[in-house]
Amino acid sequence: MSKRSPLDALDAALAAAGTCGYSLATGEPCPTHGQPAEAVATVTVRPAEDDPERLTVQADTHGIRPAAVAYALRQAADALDERGRALGDEPIPYTLTEQAEDVAEAPATPVEGARYVKRADPDAGRIVTVNRVWQADDGRTAVAYEWPDPRASYAGSACPLDVFHRTYAAHL
């Protein structure tokens, strides 16, 4: 009498269904059983062997764009954060997201002489030079800039720093 492990029995059942653990875990066709019957994305979250407080994550996809899966996972993470908050468990900040928010909240203050390019019409592509940066009466930082215009003796403008960064990008 032959003894089969429970994993062998599971593998046989999956193979009979036209898929196997190999294809589900790797997203690659199994050399023995072929491709999974449907598009799948798998995410496995486990406690790390050396530290149960640390988690390991493995993710893969077959038949679904990885970017689409990543987007869906971010939505799932947001939902889990909300659920955790309701239970009194504060979310753990995600470093890349924090850095992106920091940049959006506090754009770099340009220095005099720095060059920037206009992002959109009208005059998209126009290059301006910062000629003054100061603290306005309302406490916000303001930026004055100018650009060459053969039709005028002087062409320039000024605006709050946040408006400047929405309108202009650093010119490399």
C-alpha atoms as a PDB file:
ATOM      1  CA  MET A   1       0.000   0.000   0.000  1.00  0.00           C
ATOM      2  CA  SER A   2       1.395   3.392  -1.022  1.00  0.00           C
ATOM      3  CA  LYS A   3       1.243   6.345   1.316  1.00  0.00           C
ATOM      4  CA  ARG A   4       0.499   9.699  -0.294  1.00  0.00           C
ATOM      5  CA  SER A   5       0.927  12.954   1.567  1.00  0.00           C
ATOM      6  CA  PRO A   6      -2.061  15.319   1.855  1.00  0.00           C
ATOM      7  CA  LEU A   7      -0.160  17.758  -0.405  1.00  0.00           C
ATOM      8  CA  ASP A   8       0.110  15.095  -3.113  1.00  0.00           C
ATOM      9  CA  ALA A   9      -3.652  14.536  -2.892  1.00  0.00           C
ATOM     10  CA  LEU A  10      -4.274  18.286  -3.126  1.00  0.00           C
ATOM     11  CA  ASP A  11      -1.932  18.558  -6.114  1.00  0.00           C
ATOM     12  CA  ALA A  12      -3.764  15.684  -7.834  1.00  0.00           C
ATOM     13  CA  ALA A  13      -7.138  17.359  -7.209  1.00  0.00           C
ATOM     14  CA  LEU A  14      -5.893  20.682  -8.596  1.00  0.00           C
ATOM     15  CA  ALA A  15      -4.402  18.943 -11.618  1.00  0.00           C
ATOM     16  CA  ALA A  16      -7.744  17.255 -12.286  1.00  0.00           C
ATOM     17  CA  ALA A  17      -9.355  20.696 -12.199  1.00  0.00           C
ATOM     18  CA  GLY A  18      -6.883  21.981 -14.806  1.00  0.00           C
ATOM     19  CA  THR A  19      -4.631  23.998 -12.534  1.00  0.00           C
ATOM     20  CA  CYS A  20      -2.092  23.461  -9.785  1.00  0.00           C
ATOM     21  CA  GLY A  21      -0.388  25.218  -6.925  1.00  0.00           C
ATOM     22  CA  TYR A  22       2.634  25.948  -9.141  1.00  0.00           C
ATOM     23  CA  SER A  23       0.646  28.045 -11.587  1.00  0.00           C
ATOM     24  CA  LEU A  24      -1.342  29.787  -8.865  1.00  0.00           C
ATOM     25  CA  ALA A  25       1.790  30.691  -6.880  1.00  0.00           C
ATOM     26  CA  THR A  26       4.083  31.649  -9.758  1.00  0.00           C
ATOM     27  CA  GLY A  27       1.666  32.870 -12.417  1.00  0.00           C
ATOM     28  CA  GLU A  28       3.645  30.780 -14.895  1.00  0.00           C
ATOM     29  CA  PRO A  29       2.251  27.767 -16.726  1.00  0.00           C
ATOM     30  CA  CYS A  30       3.014  24.551 -14.921  1.00  0.00           C
ATOM     31  CA  PRO A  31       5.165  22.324 -17.128  1.00  0.00           C
ATOM     32  CA  THR A  32       2.912  19.393 -16.209  1.00  0.00           C
ATOM     33  CA  HIS A  33      -0.589  20.837 -15.900  1.00  0.00           C
ATOM     34  CA  GLY A  34      -0.738  23.876 -18.190  1.00  0.00           C
ATOM     35  CA  GLN A  35      -2.122  27.324 -17.333  1.00  0.00           C
ATOM     36  CA  PRO A  36      -4.702  28.176 -14.700  1.00  0.00           C
ATOM     37  CA  ALA A  37      -8.273  28.033 -16.000  1.00  0.00           C
ATOM     38  CA  GLU A  38      -8.874  31.718 -15.124  1.00  0.00           C
ATOM     39  CA  ALA A  39      -7.033  34.957 -14.503  1.00  0.00           C
ATOM     40  CA  VAL A  40      -5.778  35.097 -10.915  1.00  0.00           C
ATOM     41  CA  ALA A  41      -3.753  37.229  -8.580  1.00  0.00           C
ATOM     42  CA  THR A  42      -2.377  35.724  -5.418  1.00  0.00           C
ATOM     43  CA  VAL A  43      -1.146  37.466  -2.299  1.00  0.00           C
ATOM     44  CA  THR A  44       0.197  35.445   0.597  1.00  0.00           C
ATOM     45  CA  VAL A  45       0.844  37.198   3.912  1.00  0.00           C
ATOM     46  CA  ARG A  46       2.588  35.169   6.595  1.00  0.00           C
ATOM     47  CA  PRO A  47       4.405  35.880   9.852  1.00  0.00           C
ATOM     48  CA  ALA A  48       8.171  35.792   9.314  1.00  0.00           C
ATOM     49  CA  GLU A  49       9.800  32.621  10.615  1.00  0.00           C
ATOM     50  CA  ASP A  50      12.335  34.554  12.698  1.00  0.00           C
ATOM     51  CA  ASP A  51       9.927  37.207  14.060  1.00  0.00           C
ATOM     52  CA  PRO A  52       6.135  36.678  14.321  1.00  0.00           C
ATOM     53  CA  GLU A  53       5.603  40.460  14.580  1.00  0.00           C
ATOM     54  CA  ARG A  54       7.081  40.947  11.091  1.00  0.00           C
ATOM     55  CA  LEU A  55       5.113  39.831   8.033  1.00  0.00           C
ATOM     56  CA  THR A  56       6.358  38.468   4.745  1.00  0.00           C
ATOM     57  CA  VAL A  57       4.380  39.091   1.585  1.00  0.00           C
ATOM     58  CA  GLN A  58       4.466  37.241  -1.713  1.00  0.00           C
ATOM     59  CA  ALA A  59       2.356  38.442  -4.628  1.00  0.00           C
ATOM     60  CA  ASP A  60       1.934  37.347  -8.195  1.00  0.00           C
ATOM     61  CA  THR A  61      -0.538  37.575 -11.025  1.00  0.00           C
ATOM     62  CA  HIS A  62      -1.525  35.558 -14.079  1.00  0.00           C
ATOM     63  CA  GLY A  63      -3.774  37.020 -16.742  1.00  0.00           C
ATOM     64  CA  ILE A  64      -4.227  40.351 -14.920  1.00  0.00           C
ATOM     65  CA  ARG A  65      -2.025  43.438 -15.352  1.00  0.00           C
ATOM     66  CA  PRO A  66       0.266  43.808 -12.314  1.00  0.00           C
ATOM     67  CA  ALA A  67      -0.510  47.557 -12.125  1.00  0.00           C
ATOM     68  CA  ALA A  68      -4.249  46.804 -11.917  1.00  0.00           C
ATOM     69  CA  VAL A  69      -3.647  44.307  -9.106  1.00  0.00           C
ATOM     70  CA  ALA A  70      -1.433  46.821  -7.248  1.00  0.00           C
ATOM     71  CA  TYR A  71      -4.217  49.434  -7.530  1.00  0.00           C
ATOM     72  CA  ALA A  72      -6.785  46.966  -6.164  1.00  0.00           C
ATOM     73  CA  LEU A  73      -4.443  46.064  -3.301  1.00  0.00           C
ATOM     74  CA  ARG A  74      -4.052  49.744  -2.369  1.00  0.00           C
ATOM     75  CA  GLN A  75      -7.855  50.030  -2.247  1.00  0.00           C
ATOM     76  CA  ALA A  76      -7.986  46.917  -0.059  1.00  0.00           C
ATOM     77  CA  ALA A  77      -5.288  48.386   2.203  1.00  0.00           C
ATOM     78  CA  ASP A  78      -7.303  51.599   2.586  1.00  0.00           C
ATOM     79  CA  ALA A  79     -10.382  49.566   3.538  1.00  0.00           C
ATOM     80  CA  LEU A  80      -8.361  47.553   6.086  1.00  0.00           C
ATOM     81  CA  ASP A  81      -6.932  50.783   7.541  1.00  0.00           C
ATOM     82  CA  GLU A  82     -10.472  52.126   8.020  1.00  0.00           C
ATOM     83  CA  ARG A  83     -11.553  48.866   9.641  1.00  0.00           C
ATOM     84  CA  GLY A  84      -8.508  48.996  11.917  1.00  0.00           C
ATOM     85  CA  ARG A  85      -9.235  52.605  12.919  1.00  0.00           C
ATOM     86  CA  ALA A  86     -12.780  51.600  13.890  1.00  0.00           C
ATOM     87  CA  LEU A  87     -11.225  48.983  16.192  1.00  0.00           C
ATOM     88  CA  GLY A  88      -8.744  51.491  17.644  1.00  0.00           C
ATOM     89  CA  ASP A  89      -5.761  50.184  15.665  1.00  0.00           C
ATOM     90  CA  GLU A  90      -3.917  53.077  13.996  1.00  0.00           C
ATOM     91  CA  PRO A  91      -2.601  52.346  10.477  1.00  0.00           C
ATOM     92  CA  ILE A  92       1.123  51.896   9.942  1.00  0.00           C
ATOM     93  CA  PRO A  93       2.303  54.644   7.536  1.00  0.00           C
ATOM     94  CA  TYR A  94       3.642  53.517   4.187  1.00  0.00           C
ATOM     95  CA  THR A  95       6.945  55.321   3.558  1.00  0.00           C
ATOM     96  CA  LEU A  96       6.560  56.017  -0.166  1.00  0.00           C
ATOM     97  CA  THR A  97       3.052  57.409   0.346  1.00  0.00           C
ATOM     98  CA  GLU A  98       4.275  59.619   3.193  1.00  0.00           C
ATOM     99  CA  GLN A  99       7.099  60.972   1.041  1.00  0.00           C
ATOM    100  CA  ALA A 100       4.701  61.761  -1.814  1.00  0.00           C
ATOM    101  CA  GLU A 101       2.347  63.582   0.592  1.00  0.00           C
ATOM    102  CA  ASP A 102       5.256  65.547   2.078  1.00  0.00           C
ATOM    103  CA  VAL A 103       6.277  66.756  -1.372  1.00  0.00           C
ATOM    104  CA  ALA A 104       2.690  67.738  -2.186  1.00  0.00           C
ATOM    105  CA  GLU A 105       2.260  69.581   1.128  1.00  0.00           C
ATOM    106  CA  ALA A 106       5.591  71.391   1.154  1.00  0.00           C
ATOM    107  CA  PRO A 107       7.021  71.957  -2.332  1.00  0.00           C
ATOM    108  CA  ALA A 108      10.632  73.073  -2.473  1.00  0.00           C
ATOM    109  CA  THR A 109      11.121  76.815  -2.354  1.00  0.00           C
ATOM    110  CA  PRO A 110      12.860  77.977  -5.529  1.00  0.00           C
ATOM    111  CA  VAL A 111      16.003  80.078  -5.332  1.00  0.00           C
ATOM    112  CA  GLU A 112      16.650  83.270  -7.243  1.00  0.00           C
ATOM    113  CA  GLY A 113      18.018  82.491 -10.689  1.00  0.00           C
ATOM    114  CA  ALA A 114      16.370  79.055 -10.866  1.00  0.00           C
ATOM    115  CA  ARG A 115      14.678  78.255 -14.172  1.00  0.00           C
ATOM    116  CA  TYR A 116      11.247  76.673 -14.554  1.00  0.00           C
ATOM    117  CA  VAL A 117       9.117  75.623 -17.515  1.00  0.00           C
ATOM    118  CA  LYS A 118       5.366  76.238 -17.844  1.00  0.00           C
ATOM    119  CA  ARG A 119       3.389  72.993 -17.715  1.00  0.00           C
ATOM    120  CA  ALA A 120       0.264  73.786 -19.771  1.00  0.00           C
ATOM    121  CA  ASP A 121      -1.275  76.200 -22.261  1.00  0.00           C
ATOM    122  CA  PRO A 122      -1.394  79.040 -22.728  1.00  0.00           C
ATOM    123  CA  ASP A 123       2.343  79.398 -23.303  1.00  0.00           C
ATOM    124  CA  ALA A 124       3.214  75.799 -22.381  1.00  0.00           C
ATOM    125  CA  GLY A 125       6.967  75.312 -22.569  1.00  0.00           C
ATOM    126  CA  ARG A 126       7.776  78.939 -21.766  1.00  0.00           C
ATOM    127  CA  ILE A 127      10.895  79.109 -19.583  1.00  0.00           C
ATOM    128  CA  VAL A 128      10.886  81.553 -16.682  1.00  0.00           C
ATOM    129  CA  THR A 129      13.618  82.660 -14.280  1.00  0.00           C
ATOM    130  CA  VAL A 130      12.870  83.247 -10.594  1.00  0.00           C
ATOM    131  CA  ASN A 131      13.966  86.762  -9.649  1.00  0.00           C
ATOM    132  CA  ARG A 132      12.528  87.099  -6.132  1.00  0.00           C
ATOM    133  CA  VAL A 133      11.202  84.882  -3.320  1.00  0.00           C
ATOM    134  CA  TRP A 134       9.653  86.432  -0.190  1.00  0.00           C
ATOM    135  CA  GLN A 135       7.237  85.949   2.671  1.00  0.00           C
ATOM    136  CA  ALA A 136       3.947  87.710   1.817  1.00  0.00           C
ATOM    137  CA  ASP A 137       1.841  89.601   4.393  1.00  0.00           C
ATOM    138  CA  ASP A 138      -0.478  86.612   4.787  1.00  0.00           C
ATOM    139  CA  GLY A 139       2.483  84.399   5.811  1.00  0.00           C
ATOM    140  CA  ARG A 140       2.637  82.454   2.560  1.00  0.00           C
ATOM    141  CA  THR A 141       5.754  82.300   0.418  1.00  0.00           C
ATOM    142  CA  ALA A 142       5.486  84.165  -2.896  1.00  0.00           C
ATOM    143  CA  VAL A 143       7.573  83.863  -6.053  1.00  0.00           C
ATOM    144  CA  ALA A 144       8.270  86.514  -8.693  1.00  0.00           C
ATOM    145  CA  TYR A 145       9.574  85.406 -12.073  1.00  0.00           C
ATOM    146  CA  GLU A 146      10.281  86.802 -15.514  1.00  0.00           C
ATOM    147  CA  TRP A 147      10.745  85.593 -19.074  1.00  0.00           C
ATOM    148  CA  PRO A 148      12.133  87.079 -22.268  1.00  0.00           C
ATOM    149  CA  ASP A 149       9.533  88.637 -24.536  1.00  0.00           C
ATOM    150  CA  PRO A 150      10.746  90.599 -27.567  1.00  0.00           C
ATOM    151  CA  ARG A 151       7.398  92.461 -27.743  1.00  0.00           C
ATOM    152  CA  ALA A 152       7.677  93.994 -24.271  1.00  0.00           C
ATOM    153  CA  SER A 153      10.345  95.794 -22.271  1.00  0.00           C
ATOM    154  CA  TYR A 154       9.578  93.525 -19.287  1.00  0.00           C
ATOM    155  CA  ALA A 155       7.576  90.314 -18.980  1.00  0.00           C
ATOM    156  CA  GLY A 156       7.034  88.885 -15.536  1.00  0.00           C
ATOM    157  CA  SER A 157       4.583  87.898 -12.861  1.00  0.00           C
ATOM    158  CA  ALA A 158       4.309  86.727  -9.250  1.00  0.00           C
ATOM    159  CA  CYS A 159       2.158  84.247  -7.374  1.00  0.00           C
ATOM    160  CA  PRO A 160       1.984  82.160  -4.182  1.00  0.00           C
ATOM    161  CA  LEU A 161       4.412  79.223  -4.011  1.00  0.00           C
ATOM    162  CA  ASP A 162       1.699  76.532  -4.306  1.00  0.00           C
ATOM    163  CA  VAL A 163       0.288  78.170  -7.457  1.00  0.00           C
ATOM    164  CA  PHE A 164       3.806  78.503  -8.879  1.00  0.00           C
ATOM    165  CA  HIS A 165       4.474  74.769  -8.387  1.00  0.00           C
ATOM    166  CA  ARG A 166       1.139  73.801  -9.977  1.00  0.00           C
ATOM    167  CA  THR A 167       1.954  75.962 -13.002  1.00  0.00           C
ATOM    168  CA  TYR A 168       5.719  75.451 -13.434  1.00  0.00           C
ATOM    169  CA  ALA A 169       8.127  72.511 -13.257  1.00  0.00           C
ATOM    170  CA  ALA A 170      11.855  72.722 -12.654  1.00  0.00           C
ATOM    171  CA  HIS A 171      13.733  73.168 -15.940  1.00  0.00           C
ATOM    172  CA  LEU A 172      16.657  70.774 -16.247  1.00  0.00           C
END
